[in-house]
Amino acid sequence: MEAILDNDNLLRRVPFIDPNYVRDDGTLTSCAFQLKKGEYGLSVNVERLTSYEDSIQDIHRFRLYYLKAQQPRELGLECVHDPQPANYAHALIKGEITKKISRVLAKSAKRIAYPD
């Protein structure tokens, strides 16, 4: 298990062709940071443990956005390394993720210019 530092970039893969997640201007909606049914944390990758290519998986469906780990922590959330068999970089943002917190995270997230 790796310690996640406050200045670590956490990569979030977002379906960019769905207007429920990404607005026309490229900014995220709160849906990009809401838990889906059965999830107990927001799935992210720790940037220093992976590549953009591995994190995005399908450039025709997804784009990457990042947050500094400090941002969710300032909202009372935890950032926990959660390595998976096929993805050592996997981590979770855990805690009470309300609609308001989802909006703040979405507003804070910055797009990574990959693959374009």
PDB file of N, CA and C in Angstrom:
ATOM      1  N   MET A   1       0.838  -1.188   0.000  1.00  0.00           N
ATOM      2  CA  MET A   1       0.000   0.000   0.000  1.00  0.00           C
ATOM      3  C   MET A   1       0.878   1.244   0.000  1.00  0.00           C
ATOM      4  N   GLU A   2       0.472   2.189  -0.807  1.00  0.00           N
ATOM      5  CA  GLU A   2       1.204   3.449  -0.928  1.00  0.00           C
ATOM      6  C   GLU A   2       0.492   4.522  -0.108  1.00  0.00           C
ATOM      7  N   ALA A   3       1.261   5.402   0.472  1.00  0.00           N
ATOM      8  CA  ALA A   3       0.685   6.582   1.112  1.00  0.00           C
ATOM      9  C   ALA A   3       0.304   7.554   0.001  1.00  0.00           C
ATOM     10  N   ILE A   4      -0.875   8.127   0.103  1.00  0.00           N
ATOM     11  CA  ILE A   4      -1.295   9.149  -0.856  1.00  0.00           C
ATOM     12  C   ILE A   4      -1.029  10.497  -0.208  1.00  0.00           C
ATOM     13  N   LEU A   5      -0.173  11.273  -0.865  1.00  0.00           N
ATOM     14  CA  LEU A   5       0.242  12.571  -0.350  1.00  0.00           C
ATOM     15  C   LEU A   5      -0.740  13.653  -0.785  1.00  0.00           C
ATOM     16  N   ASP A   6      -0.824  14.727  -0.031  1.00  0.00           N
ATOM     17  CA  ASP A   6      -1.738  15.819  -0.367  1.00  0.00           C
ATOM     18  C   ASP A   6      -1.506  16.380  -1.763  1.00  0.00           C
ATOM     19  N   ASN A   7      -0.249  16.387  -2.220  1.00  0.00           N
ATOM     20  CA  ASN A   7       0.032  16.959  -3.540  1.00  0.00           C
ATOM     21  C   ASN A   7      -0.034  15.929  -4.673  1.00  0.00           C
ATOM     22  N   ASP A   8      -0.421  14.689  -4.373  1.00  0.00           N
ATOM     23  CA  ASP A   8      -0.618  13.686  -5.432  1.00  0.00           C
ATOM     24  C   ASP A   8      -1.816  14.072  -6.290  1.00  0.00           C
ATOM     25  N   ASN A   9      -1.675  13.896  -7.597  1.00  0.00           N
ATOM     26  CA  ASN A   9      -2.799  14.074  -8.507  1.00  0.00           C
ATOM     27  C   ASN A   9      -3.604  12.782  -8.544  1.00  0.00           C
ATOM     28  N   LEU A  10      -4.910  12.912  -8.357  1.00  0.00           N
ATOM     29  CA  LEU A  10      -5.822  11.780  -8.458  1.00  0.00           C
ATOM     30  C   LEU A  10      -6.555  11.908  -9.785  1.00  0.00           C
ATOM     31  N   LEU A  11      -6.424  10.903 -10.640  1.00  0.00           N
ATOM     32  CA  LEU A  11      -7.013  10.930 -11.974  1.00  0.00           C
ATOM     33  C   LEU A  11      -8.401  10.302 -11.949  1.00  0.00           C
ATOM     34  N   ARG A  12      -9.363  11.005 -12.496  1.00  0.00           N
ATOM     35  CA  ARG A  12     -10.738  10.504 -12.590  1.00  0.00           C
ATOM     36  C   ARG A  12     -11.086  10.374 -14.065  1.00  0.00           C
ATOM     37  N   ARG A  13     -11.492   9.184 -14.469  1.00  0.00           N
ATOM     38  CA  ARG A  13     -11.882   8.918 -15.859  1.00  0.00           C
ATOM     39  C   ARG A  13     -13.365   9.241 -16.004  1.00  0.00           C
ATOM     40  N   VAL A  14     -13.685  10.087 -17.001  1.00  0.00           N
ATOM     41  CA  VAL A  14     -15.052  10.588 -17.154  1.00  0.00           C
ATOM     42  C   VAL A  14     -15.517  10.367 -18.596  1.00  0.00           C
ATOM     43  N   PRO A  15     -16.757   9.860 -18.782  1.00  0.00           N
ATOM     44  CA  PRO A  15     -17.291   9.707 -20.149  1.00  0.00           C
ATOM     45  C   PRO A  15     -17.601  11.083 -20.747  1.00  0.00           C
ATOM     46  N   PHE A  16     -16.740  11.533 -21.654  1.00  0.00           N
ATOM     47  CA  PHE A  16     -16.830  12.923 -22.130  1.00  0.00           C
ATOM     48  C   PHE A  16     -17.924  13.156 -23.162  1.00  0.00           C
ATOM     49  N   ILE A  17     -18.479  12.119 -23.753  1.00  0.00           N
ATOM     50  CA  ILE A  17     -19.525  12.324 -24.763  1.00  0.00           C
ATOM     51  C   ILE A  17     -20.921  12.366 -24.139  1.00  0.00           C
ATOM     52  N   ASP A  18     -20.990  12.206 -22.817  1.00  0.00           N
ATOM     53  CA  ASP A  18     -22.265  12.226 -22.112  1.00  0.00           C
ATOM     54  C   ASP A  18     -22.457  13.591 -21.446  1.00  0.00           C
ATOM     55  N   PRO A  19     -23.454  14.377 -21.890  1.00  0.00           N
ATOM     56  CA  PRO A  19     -23.659  15.711 -21.314  1.00  0.00           C
ATOM     57  C   PRO A  19     -24.063  15.674 -19.838  1.00  0.00           C
ATOM     58  N   ASN A  20     -24.431  14.514 -19.320  1.00  0.00           N
ATOM     59  CA  ASN A  20     -24.708  14.395 -17.888  1.00  0.00           C
ATOM     60  C   ASN A  20     -23.422  14.527 -17.069  1.00  0.00           C
ATOM     61  N   TYR A  21     -22.266  14.302 -17.707  1.00  0.00           N
ATOM     62  CA  TYR A  21     -20.975  14.356 -17.017  1.00  0.00           C
ATOM     63  C   TYR A  21     -20.131  15.560 -17.405  1.00  0.00           C
ATOM     64  N   VAL A  22     -20.131  15.893 -18.697  1.00  0.00           N
ATOM     65  CA  VAL A  22     -19.281  16.973 -19.196  1.00  0.00           C
ATOM     66  C   VAL A  22     -20.133  17.963 -19.991  1.00  0.00           C
ATOM     67  N   ARG A  23     -20.065  19.225 -19.572  1.00  0.00           N
ATOM     68  CA  ARG A  23     -20.802  20.281 -20.282  1.00  0.00           C
ATOM     69  C   ARG A  23     -20.111  20.611 -21.612  1.00  0.00           C
ATOM     70  N   ASP A  24     -20.810  21.350 -22.450  1.00  0.00           N
ATOM     71  CA  ASP A  24     -20.261  21.750 -23.750  1.00  0.00           C
ATOM     72  C   ASP A  24     -18.942  22.501 -23.624  1.00  0.00           C
ATOM     73  N   ASP A  25     -18.771  23.246 -22.526  1.00  0.00           N
ATOM     74  CA  ASP A  25     -17.542  24.017 -22.349  1.00  0.00           C
ATOM     75  C   ASP A  25     -16.392  23.178 -21.758  1.00  0.00           C
ATOM     76  N   GLY A  26     -16.636  21.874 -21.553  1.00  0.00           N
ATOM     77  CA  GLY A  26     -15.583  20.996 -21.058  1.00  0.00           C
ATOM     78  C   GLY A  26     -15.521  20.875 -19.539  1.00  0.00           C
ATOM     79  N   THR A  27     -16.323  21.667 -18.828  1.00  0.00           N
ATOM     80  CA  THR A  27     -16.334  21.551 -17.372  1.00  0.00           C
ATOM     81  C   THR A  27     -17.213  20.373 -16.968  1.00  0.00           C
ATOM     82  N   LEU A  28     -16.932  19.849 -15.778  1.00  0.00           N
ATOM     83  CA  LEU A  28     -17.651  18.684 -15.295  1.00  0.00           C
ATOM     84  C   LEU A  28     -18.924  19.064 -14.551  1.00  0.00           C
ATOM     85  N   THR A  29     -19.901  18.177 -14.611  1.00  0.00           N
ATOM     86  CA  THR A  29     -21.087  18.297 -13.766  1.00  0.00           C
ATOM     87  C   THR A  29     -20.828  17.493 -12.491  1.00  0.00           C
ATOM     88  N   SER A  30     -21.685  17.650 -11.516  1.00  0.00           N
ATOM     89  CA  SER A  30     -21.516  16.916 -10.255  1.00  0.00           C
ATOM     90  C   SER A  30     -21.627  15.405 -10.458  1.00  0.00           C
ATOM     91  N   CYS A  31     -22.275  14.954 -11.533  1.00  0.00           N
ATOM     92  CA  CYS A  31     -22.406  13.510 -11.809  1.00  0.00           C
ATOM     93  C   CYS A  31     -21.044  12.818 -11.898  1.00  0.00           C
ATOM     94  N   ALA A  32     -20.024  13.547 -12.327  1.00  0.00           N
ATOM     95  CA  ALA A  32     -18.689  12.975 -12.486  1.00  0.00           C
ATOM     96  C   ALA A  32     -18.069  12.567 -11.150  1.00  0.00           C
ATOM     97  N   PHE A  33     -18.615  13.083 -10.057  1.00  0.00           N
ATOM     98  CA  PHE A  33     -18.081  12.775  -8.731  1.00  0.00           C
ATOM     99  C   PHE A  33     -19.158  12.276  -7.775  1.00  0.00           C
ATOM    100  N   GLN A  34     -20.159  11.592  -8.318  1.00  0.00           N
ATOM    101  CA  GLN A  34     -21.191  10.977  -7.479  1.00  0.00           C
ATOM    102  C   GLN A  34     -20.985   9.479  -7.448  1.00  0.00           C
ATOM    103  N   LEU A  35     -21.295   8.892  -6.311  1.00  0.00           N
ATOM    104  CA  LEU A  35     -21.206   7.435  -6.178  1.00  0.00           C
ATOM    105  C   LEU A  35     -22.338   6.780  -6.953  1.00  0.00           C
ATOM    106  N   LYS A  36     -22.007   5.697  -7.626  1.00  0.00           N
ATOM    107  CA  LYS A  36     -23.019   4.889  -8.299  1.00  0.00           C
ATOM    108  C   LYS A  36     -23.503   3.840  -7.294  1.00  0.00           C
ATOM    109  N   LYS A  37     -24.625   3.262  -7.586  1.00  0.00           N
ATOM    110  CA  LYS A  37     -25.182   2.227  -6.713  1.00  0.00           C
ATOM    111  C   LYS A  37     -24.158   1.108  -6.509  1.00  0.00           C
ATOM    112  N   GLY A  38     -23.935   0.735  -5.264  1.00  0.00           N
ATOM    113  CA  GLY A  38     -23.001  -0.343  -4.953  1.00  0.00           C
ATOM    114  C   GLY A  38     -21.562   0.104  -4.759  1.00  0.00           C
ATOM    115  N   GLU A  39     -21.253   1.360  -5.055  1.00  0.00           N
ATOM    116  CA  GLU A  39     -19.897   1.869  -4.851  1.00  0.00           C
ATOM    117  C   GLU A  39     -19.736   2.386  -3.426  1.00  0.00           C
ATOM    118  N   TYR A  40     -18.569   2.211  -2.870  1.00  0.00           N
ATOM    119  CA  TYR A  40     -18.300   2.730  -1.526  1.00  0.00           C
ATOM    120  C   TYR A  40     -17.144   3.726  -1.536  1.00  0.00           C
ATOM    121  N   GLY A  41     -16.819   4.203  -2.719  1.00  0.00           N
ATOM    122  CA  GLY A  41     -15.801   5.220  -2.882  1.00  0.00           C
ATOM    123  C   GLY A  41     -15.698   5.600  -4.351  1.00  0.00           C
ATOM    124  N   LEU A  42     -15.206   6.807  -4.610  1.00  0.00           N
ATOM    125  CA  LEU A  42     -14.994   7.248  -5.993  1.00  0.00           C
ATOM    126  C   LEU A  42     -13.690   6.657  -6.496  1.00  0.00           C
ATOM    127  N   SER A  43     -13.752   5.985  -7.605  1.00  0.00           N
ATOM    128  CA  SER A  43     -12.599   5.324  -8.184  1.00  0.00           C
ATOM    129  C   SER A  43     -11.703   6.336  -8.898  1.00  0.00           C
ATOM    130  N   VAL A  44     -10.438   6.350  -8.525  1.00  0.00           N
ATOM    131  CA  VAL A  44      -9.437   7.228  -9.136  1.00  0.00           C
ATOM    132  C   VAL A  44      -8.134   6.446  -9.280  1.00  0.00           C
ATOM    133  N   ASN A  45      -7.210   7.001 -10.025  1.00  0.00           N
ATOM    134  CA  ASN A  45      -5.847   6.461 -10.098  1.00  0.00           C
ATOM    135  C   ASN A  45      -4.882   7.513  -9.569  1.00  0.00           C
ATOM    136  N   VAL A  46      -3.849   7.060  -8.883  1.00  0.00           N
ATOM    137  CA  VAL A  46      -2.793   7.950  -8.418  1.00  0.00           C
ATOM    138  C   VAL A  46      -1.848   8.163  -9.598  1.00  0.00           C
ATOM    139  N   GLU A  47      -1.734   9.407 -10.041  1.00  0.00           N
ATOM    140  CA  GLU A  47      -1.000   9.722 -11.275  1.00  0.00           C
ATOM    141  C   GLU A  47       0.434   9.184 -11.265  1.00  0.00           C
ATOM    142  N   ARG A  48       1.156   9.312 -10.173  1.00  0.00           N
ATOM    143  CA  ARG A  48       2.569   8.901 -10.161  1.00  0.00           C
ATOM    144  C   ARG A  48       2.747   7.386 -10.241  1.00  0.00           C
ATOM    145  N   LEU A  49       1.658   6.632 -10.138  1.00  0.00           N
ATOM    146  CA  LEU A  49       1.737   5.166 -10.187  1.00  0.00           C
ATOM    147  C   LEU A  49       1.224   4.582 -11.499  1.00  0.00           C
ATOM    148  N   THR A  50       0.893   5.452 -12.447  1.00  0.00           N
ATOM    149  CA  THR A  50       0.273   4.967 -13.676  1.00  0.00           C
ATOM    150  C   THR A  50       0.651   5.849 -14.855  1.00  0.00           C
ATOM    151  N   SER A  51       0.077   5.556 -16.003  1.00  0.00           N
ATOM    152  CA  SER A  51       0.220   6.413 -17.189  1.00  0.00           C
ATOM    153  C   SER A  51      -1.180   6.890 -17.584  1.00  0.00           C
ATOM    154  N   TYR A  52      -1.225   7.963 -18.374  1.00  0.00           N
ATOM    155  CA  TYR A  52      -2.525   8.444 -18.857  1.00  0.00           C
ATOM    156  C   TYR A  52      -3.190   7.371 -19.721  1.00  0.00           C
ATOM    157  N   GLU A  53      -2.398   6.717 -20.541  1.00  0.00           N
ATOM    158  CA  GLU A  53      -2.931   5.678 -21.428  1.00  0.00           C
ATOM    159  C   GLU A  53      -3.612   4.565 -20.633  1.00  0.00           C
ATOM    160  N   ASP A  54      -2.950   4.088 -19.581  1.00  0.00           N
ATOM    161  CA  ASP A  54      -3.548   3.027 -18.764  1.00  0.00           C
ATOM    162  C   ASP A  54      -4.785   3.514 -18.023  1.00  0.00           C
ATOM    163  N   SER A  55      -4.781   4.762 -17.599  1.00  0.00           N
ATOM    164  CA  SER A  55      -5.908   5.293 -16.829  1.00  0.00           C
ATOM    165  C   SER A  55      -7.138   5.567 -17.685  1.00  0.00           C
ATOM    166  N   ILE A  56      -6.933   6.035 -18.908  1.00  0.00           N
ATOM    167  CA  ILE A  56      -8.069   6.414 -19.749  1.00  0.00           C
ATOM    168  C   ILE A  56      -8.722   5.188 -20.394  1.00  0.00           C
ATOM    169  N   GLN A  57      -7.944   4.182 -20.720  1.00  0.00           N
ATOM    170  CA  GLN A  57      -8.384   2.914 -21.317  1.00  0.00           C
ATOM    171  C   GLN A  57      -9.015   3.061 -22.698  1.00  0.00           C
ATOM    172  N   ASP A  58     -10.008   3.908 -22.861  1.00  0.00           N
ATOM    173  CA  ASP A  58     -10.696   4.051 -24.149  1.00  0.00           C
ATOM    174  C   ASP A  58     -10.809   5.534 -24.499  1.00  0.00           C
ATOM    175  N   ILE A  59      -9.917   5.999 -25.392  1.00  0.00           N
ATOM    176  CA  ILE A  59      -9.878   7.430 -25.730  1.00  0.00           C
ATOM    177  C   ILE A  59     -11.114   7.884 -26.514  1.00  0.00           C
ATOM    178  N   HIS A  60     -11.886   6.949 -27.026  1.00  0.00           N
ATOM    179  CA  HIS A  60     -13.088   7.315 -27.771  1.00  0.00           C
ATOM    180  C   HIS A  60     -14.281   7.576 -26.858  1.00  0.00           C
ATOM    181  N   ARG A  61     -14.184   7.156 -25.594  1.00  0.00           N
ATOM    182  CA  ARG A  61     -15.293   7.319 -24.643  1.00  0.00           C
ATOM    183  C   ARG A  61     -14.961   8.192 -23.444  1.00  0.00           C
ATOM    184  N   PHE A  62     -13.682   8.265 -23.067  1.00  0.00           N
ATOM    185  CA  PHE A  62     -13.323   8.908 -21.808  1.00  0.00           C
ATOM    186  C   PHE A  62     -12.279  10.012 -21.972  1.00  0.00           C
ATOM    187  N   ARG A  63     -12.265  10.919 -20.985  1.00  0.00           N
ATOM    188  CA  ARG A  63     -11.202  11.903 -20.800  1.00  0.00           C
ATOM    189  C   ARG A  63     -10.809  11.855 -19.333  1.00  0.00           C
ATOM    190  N   LEU A  64      -9.613  12.344 -19.049  1.00  0.00           N
ATOM    191  CA  LEU A  64      -9.109  12.343 -17.682  1.00  0.00           C
ATOM    192  C   LEU A  64      -9.161  13.740 -17.084  1.00  0.00           C
ATOM    193  N   TYR A  65      -9.545  13.785 -15.833  1.00  0.00           N
ATOM    194  CA  TYR A  65      -9.527  15.002 -15.031  1.00  0.00           C
ATOM    195  C   TYR A  65      -8.749  14.680 -13.767  1.00  0.00           C
ATOM    196  N   TYR A  66      -8.166  15.690 -13.152  1.00  0.00           N
ATOM    197  CA  TYR A  66      -7.414  15.424 -11.927  1.00  0.00           C
ATOM    198  C   TYR A  66      -7.773  16.404 -10.822  1.00  0.00           C
ATOM    199  N   LEU A  67      -7.566  15.916  -9.614  1.00  0.00           N
ATOM    200  CA  LEU A  67      -7.663  16.709  -8.395  1.00  0.00           C
ATOM    201  C   LEU A  67      -6.411  16.444  -7.587  1.00  0.00           C
ATOM    202  N   LYS A  68      -5.954  17.415  -6.840  1.00  0.00           N
ATOM    203  CA  LYS A  68      -4.931  17.163  -5.821  1.00  0.00           C
ATOM    204  C   LYS A  68      -5.624  16.417  -4.674  1.00  0.00           C
ATOM    205  N   ALA A  69      -4.959  15.451  -4.077  1.00  0.00           N
ATOM    206  CA  ALA A  69      -5.552  14.681  -2.979  1.00  0.00           C
ATOM    207  C   ALA A  69      -5.970  15.586  -1.823  1.00  0.00           C
ATOM    208  N   GLN A  70      -5.311  16.692  -1.683  1.00  0.00           N
ATOM    209  CA  GLN A  70      -5.632  17.645  -0.617  1.00  0.00           C
ATOM    210  C   GLN A  70      -7.075  18.159  -0.741  1.00  0.00           C
ATOM    211  N   GLN A  71      -7.583  18.288  -1.978  1.00  0.00           N
ATOM    212  CA  GLN A  71      -8.912  18.866  -2.179  1.00  0.00           C
ATOM    213  C   GLN A  71     -10.029  18.025  -1.540  1.00  0.00           C
ATOM    214  N   PRO A  72     -10.135  16.724  -1.827  1.00  0.00           N
ATOM    215  CA  PRO A  72     -11.170  15.953  -1.138  1.00  0.00           C
ATOM    216  C   PRO A  72     -10.927  15.877   0.376  1.00  0.00           C
ATOM    217  N   ARG A  73      -9.674  15.843   0.786  1.00  0.00           N
ATOM    218  CA  ARG A  73      -9.378  15.790   2.229  1.00  0.00           C
ATOM    219  C   ARG A  73      -9.879  17.034   2.945  1.00  0.00           C
ATOM    220  N   GLU A  74      -9.765  18.191   2.289  1.00  0.00           N
ATOM    221  CA  GLU A  74     -10.263  19.428   2.896  1.00  0.00           C
ATOM    222  C   GLU A  74     -11.780  19.417   3.060  1.00  0.00           C
ATOM    223  N   LEU A  75     -12.460  18.511   2.335  1.00  0.00           N
ATOM    224  CA  LEU A  75     -13.910  18.372   2.429  1.00  0.00           C
ATOM    225  C   LEU A  75     -14.301  17.253   3.396  1.00  0.00           C
ATOM    226  N   GLY A  76     -13.304  16.719   4.111  1.00  0.00           N
ATOM    227  CA  GLY A  76     -13.574  15.679   5.090  1.00  0.00           C
ATOM    228  C   GLY A  76     -13.582  14.269   4.530  1.00  0.00           C
ATOM    229  N   LEU A  77     -13.084  14.107   3.305  1.00  0.00           N
ATOM    230  CA  LEU A  77     -13.050  12.786   2.667  1.00  0.00           C
ATOM    231  C   LEU A  77     -11.672  12.154   2.831  1.00  0.00           C
ATOM    232  N   GLU A  78     -11.609  10.850   2.680  1.00  0.00           N
ATOM    233  CA  GLU A  78     -10.357  10.094   2.744  1.00  0.00           C
ATOM    234  C   GLU A  78      -9.904   9.742   1.336  1.00  0.00           C
ATOM    235  N   CYS A  79      -8.610   9.675   1.134  1.00  0.00           N
ATOM    236  CA  CYS A  79      -8.021   9.186  -0.119  1.00  0.00           C
ATOM    237  C   CYS A  79      -7.199   7.960   0.252  1.00  0.00           C
ATOM    238  N   VAL A  80      -7.621   6.790  -0.241  1.00  0.00           N
ATOM    239  CA  VAL A  80      -7.041   5.525   0.187  1.00  0.00           C
ATOM    240  C   VAL A  80      -6.547   4.737  -1.019  1.00  0.00           C
ATOM    241  N   HIS A  81      -5.294   4.316  -0.979  1.00  0.00           N
ATOM    242  CA  HIS A  81      -4.763   3.456  -2.033  1.00  0.00           C
ATOM    243  C   HIS A  81      -5.513   2.129  -1.975  1.00  0.00           C
ATOM    244  N   ASP A  82      -6.001   1.682  -3.111  1.00  0.00           N
ATOM    245  CA  ASP A  82      -6.814   0.469  -3.204  1.00  0.00           C
ATOM    246  C   ASP A  82      -6.390  -0.330  -4.436  1.00  0.00           C
ATOM    247  N   PRO A  83      -5.147  -0.859  -4.419  1.00  0.00           N
ATOM    248  CA  PRO A  83      -4.646  -1.534  -5.617  1.00  0.00           C
ATOM    249  C   PRO A  83      -5.519  -2.718  -6.022  1.00  0.00           C
ATOM    250  N   GLN A  84      -5.711  -2.854  -7.323  1.00  0.00           N
ATOM    251  CA  GLN A  84      -6.473  -3.961  -7.900  1.00  0.00           C
ATOM    252  C   GLN A  84      -5.508  -4.858  -8.672  1.00  0.00           C
ATOM    253  N   PRO A  85      -5.878  -6.115  -8.901  1.00  0.00           N
ATOM    254  CA  PRO A  85      -4.959  -7.024  -9.610  1.00  0.00           C
ATOM    255  C   PRO A  85      -4.444  -6.458 -10.941  1.00  0.00           C
ATOM    256  N   ALA A  86      -5.303  -5.782 -11.689  1.00  0.00           N
ATOM    257  CA  ALA A  86      -4.890  -5.238 -12.982  1.00  0.00           C
ATOM    258  C   ALA A  86      -4.576  -3.745 -12.933  1.00  0.00           C
ATOM    259  N   ASN A  87      -4.607  -3.150 -11.728  1.00  0.00           N
ATOM    260  CA  ASN A  87      -4.391  -1.707 -11.640  1.00  0.00           C
ATOM    261  C   ASN A  87      -3.820  -1.332 -10.273  1.00  0.00           C
ATOM    262  N   TYR A  88      -2.494  -1.322 -10.179  1.00  0.00           N
ATOM    263  CA  TYR A  88      -1.832  -0.991  -8.919  1.00  0.00           C
ATOM    264  C   TYR A  88      -2.095   0.457  -8.492  1.00  0.00           C
ATOM    265  N   ALA A  89      -2.357   1.345  -9.449  1.00  0.00           N
ATOM    266  CA  ALA A  89      -2.537   2.776  -9.170  1.00  0.00           C
ATOM    267  C   ALA A  89      -3.912   3.113  -8.595  1.00  0.00           C
ATOM    268  N   HIS A  90      -4.828   2.159  -8.563  1.00  0.00           N
ATOM    269  CA  HIS A  90      -6.206   2.430  -8.139  1.00  0.00           C
ATOM    270  C   HIS A  90      -6.272   2.922  -6.694  1.00  0.00           C
ATOM    271  N   ALA A  91      -7.152   3.917  -6.481  1.00  0.00           N
ATOM    272  CA  ALA A  91      -7.399   4.456  -5.145  1.00  0.00           C
ATOM    273  C   ALA A  91      -8.870   4.827  -5.057  1.00  0.00           C
ATOM    274  N   LEU A  92      -9.312   5.081  -3.837  1.00  0.00           N
ATOM    275  CA  LEU A  92     -10.697   5.478  -3.608  1.00  0.00           C
ATOM    276  C   LEU A  92     -10.748   6.780  -2.824  1.00  0.00           C
ATOM    277  N   ILE A  93     -11.698   7.630  -3.210  1.00  0.00           N
ATOM    278  CA  ILE A  93     -12.048   8.793  -2.400  1.00  0.00           C
ATOM    279  C   ILE A  93     -13.286   8.351  -1.628  1.00  0.00           C
ATOM    280  N   LYS A  94     -13.163   8.289  -0.299  1.00  0.00           N
ATOM    281  CA  LYS A  94     -14.229   7.727   0.531  1.00  0.00           C
ATOM    282  C   LYS A  94     -14.744   8.744   1.539  1.00  0.00           C
ATOM    283  N   GLY A  95     -15.990   8.536   1.929  1.00  0.00           N
ATOM    284  CA  GLY A  95     -16.609   9.393   2.930  1.00  0.00           C
ATOM    285  C   GLY A  95     -18.021   9.738   2.505  1.00  0.00           C
ATOM    286  N   GLU A  96     -18.591  10.706   3.190  1.00  0.00           N
ATOM    287  CA  GLU A  96     -19.955  11.127   2.863  1.00  0.00           C
ATOM    288  C   GLU A  96     -19.914  12.090   1.681  1.00  0.00           C
ATOM    289  N   ILE A  97     -20.184  11.544   0.507  1.00  0.00           N
ATOM    290  CA  ILE A  97     -20.098  12.330  -0.723  1.00  0.00           C
ATOM    291  C   ILE A  97     -21.504  12.814  -1.081  1.00  0.00           C
ATOM    292  N   THR A  98     -21.806  14.010  -0.622  1.00  0.00           N
ATOM    293  CA  THR A  98     -23.113  14.616  -0.872  1.00  0.00           C
ATOM    294  C   THR A  98     -23.119  15.280  -2.251  1.00  0.00           C
ATOM    295  N   LYS A  99     -24.297  15.703  -2.674  1.00  0.00           N
ATOM    296  CA  LYS A  99     -24.412  16.424  -3.947  1.00  0.00           C
ATOM    297  C   LYS A  99     -23.557  17.697  -3.916  1.00  0.00           C
ATOM    298  N   LYS A 100     -23.567  18.390  -2.783  1.00  0.00           N
ATOM    299  CA  LYS A 100     -22.779  19.617  -2.645  1.00  0.00           C
ATOM    300  C   LYS A 100     -21.286  19.315  -2.787  1.00  0.00           C
ATOM    301  N   ILE A 101     -20.813  18.259  -2.134  1.00  0.00           N
ATOM    302  CA  ILE A 101     -19.396  17.881  -2.234  1.00  0.00           C
ATOM    303  C   ILE A 101     -19.067  17.463  -3.663  1.00  0.00           C
ATOM    304  N   SER A 102     -19.970  16.747  -4.314  1.00  0.00           N
ATOM    305  CA  SER A 102     -19.756  16.356  -5.716  1.00  0.00           C
ATOM    306  C   SER A 102     -19.592  17.590  -6.604  1.00  0.00           C
ATOM    307  N   ARG A 103     -20.390  18.612  -6.342  1.00  0.00           N
ATOM    308  CA  ARG A 103     -20.286  19.862  -7.119  1.00  0.00           C
ATOM    309  C   ARG A 103     -18.940  20.542  -6.895  1.00  0.00           C
ATOM    310  N   VAL A 104     -18.493  20.585  -5.638  1.00  0.00           N
ATOM    311  CA  VAL A 104     -17.205  21.213  -5.323  1.00  0.00           C
ATOM    312  C   VAL A 104     -16.064  20.446  -5.999  1.00  0.00           C
ATOM    313  N   LEU A 105     -16.095  19.126  -5.935  1.00  0.00           N
ATOM    314  CA  LEU A 105     -15.048  18.312  -6.578  1.00  0.00           C
ATOM    315  C   LEU A 105     -15.047  18.535  -8.091  1.00  0.00           C
ATOM    316  N   ALA A 106     -16.239  18.552  -8.684  1.00  0.00           N
ATOM    317  CA  ALA A 106     -16.334  18.755 -10.136  1.00  0.00           C
ATOM    318  C   ALA A 106     -15.771  20.113 -10.535  1.00  0.00           C
ATOM    319  N   LYS A 107     -16.062  21.128  -9.734  1.00  0.00           N
ATOM    320  CA  LYS A 107     -15.578  22.480 -10.032  1.00  0.00           C
ATOM    321  C   LYS A 107     -14.055  22.560  -9.878  1.00  0.00           C
ATOM    322  N   SER A 108     -13.498  21.784  -8.958  1.00  0.00           N
ATOM    323  CA  SER A 108     -12.059  21.794  -8.693  1.00  0.00           C
ATOM    324  C   SER A 108     -11.240  20.995  -9.704  1.00  0.00           C
ATOM    325  N   ALA A 109     -11.872  20.023 -10.343  1.00  0.00           N
ATOM    326  CA  ALA A 109     -11.155  19.119 -11.249  1.00  0.00           C
ATOM    327  C   ALA A 109     -10.679  19.855 -12.504  1.00  0.00           C
ATOM    328  N   LYS A 110      -9.486  19.498 -12.937  1.00  0.00           N
ATOM    329  CA  LYS A 110      -8.892  20.090 -14.145  1.00  0.00           C
ATOM    330  C   LYS A 110      -8.690  18.994 -15.184  1.00  0.00           C
ATOM    331  N   ARG A 111      -8.955  19.358 -16.431  1.00  0.00           N
ATOM    332  CA  ARG A 111      -8.823  18.376 -17.517  1.00  0.00           C
ATOM    333  C   ARG A 111      -7.364  18.187 -17.895  1.00  0.00           C
ATOM    334  N   ILE A 112      -7.009  16.952 -18.176  1.00  0.00           N
ATOM    335  CA  ILE A 112      -5.674  16.623 -18.674  1.00  0.00           C
ATOM    336  C   ILE A 112      -5.758  16.557 -20.196  1.00  0.00           C
ATOM    337  N   ALA A 113      -4.869  17.240 -20.865  1.00  0.00           N
ATOM    338  CA  ALA A 113      -4.890  17.296 -22.334  1.00  0.00           C
ATOM    339  C   ALA A 113      -4.279  16.030 -22.922  1.00  0.00           C
ATOM    340  N   TYR A 114      -4.957  14.942 -22.709  1.00  0.00           N
ATOM    341  CA  TYR A 114      -4.567  13.656 -23.294  1.00  0.00           C
ATOM    342  C   TYR A 114      -5.839  12.981 -23.773  1.00  0.00           C
ATOM    343  N   PRO A 115      -5.913  12.493 -24.972  1.00  0.00           N
ATOM    344  CA  PRO A 115      -4.851  12.334 -25.966  1.00  0.00           C
ATOM    345  C   PRO A 115      -4.666  13.544 -26.865  1.00  0.00           C
ATOM    346  N   ASP A 116      -5.447  14.603 -26.676  1.00  0.00           N
ATOM    347  CA  ASP A 116      -5.350  15.743 -27.596  1.00  0.00           C
ATOM    348  C   ASP A 116      -4.565  16.901 -27.013  1.00  0.00           C
TER     349      ASP A 116
END
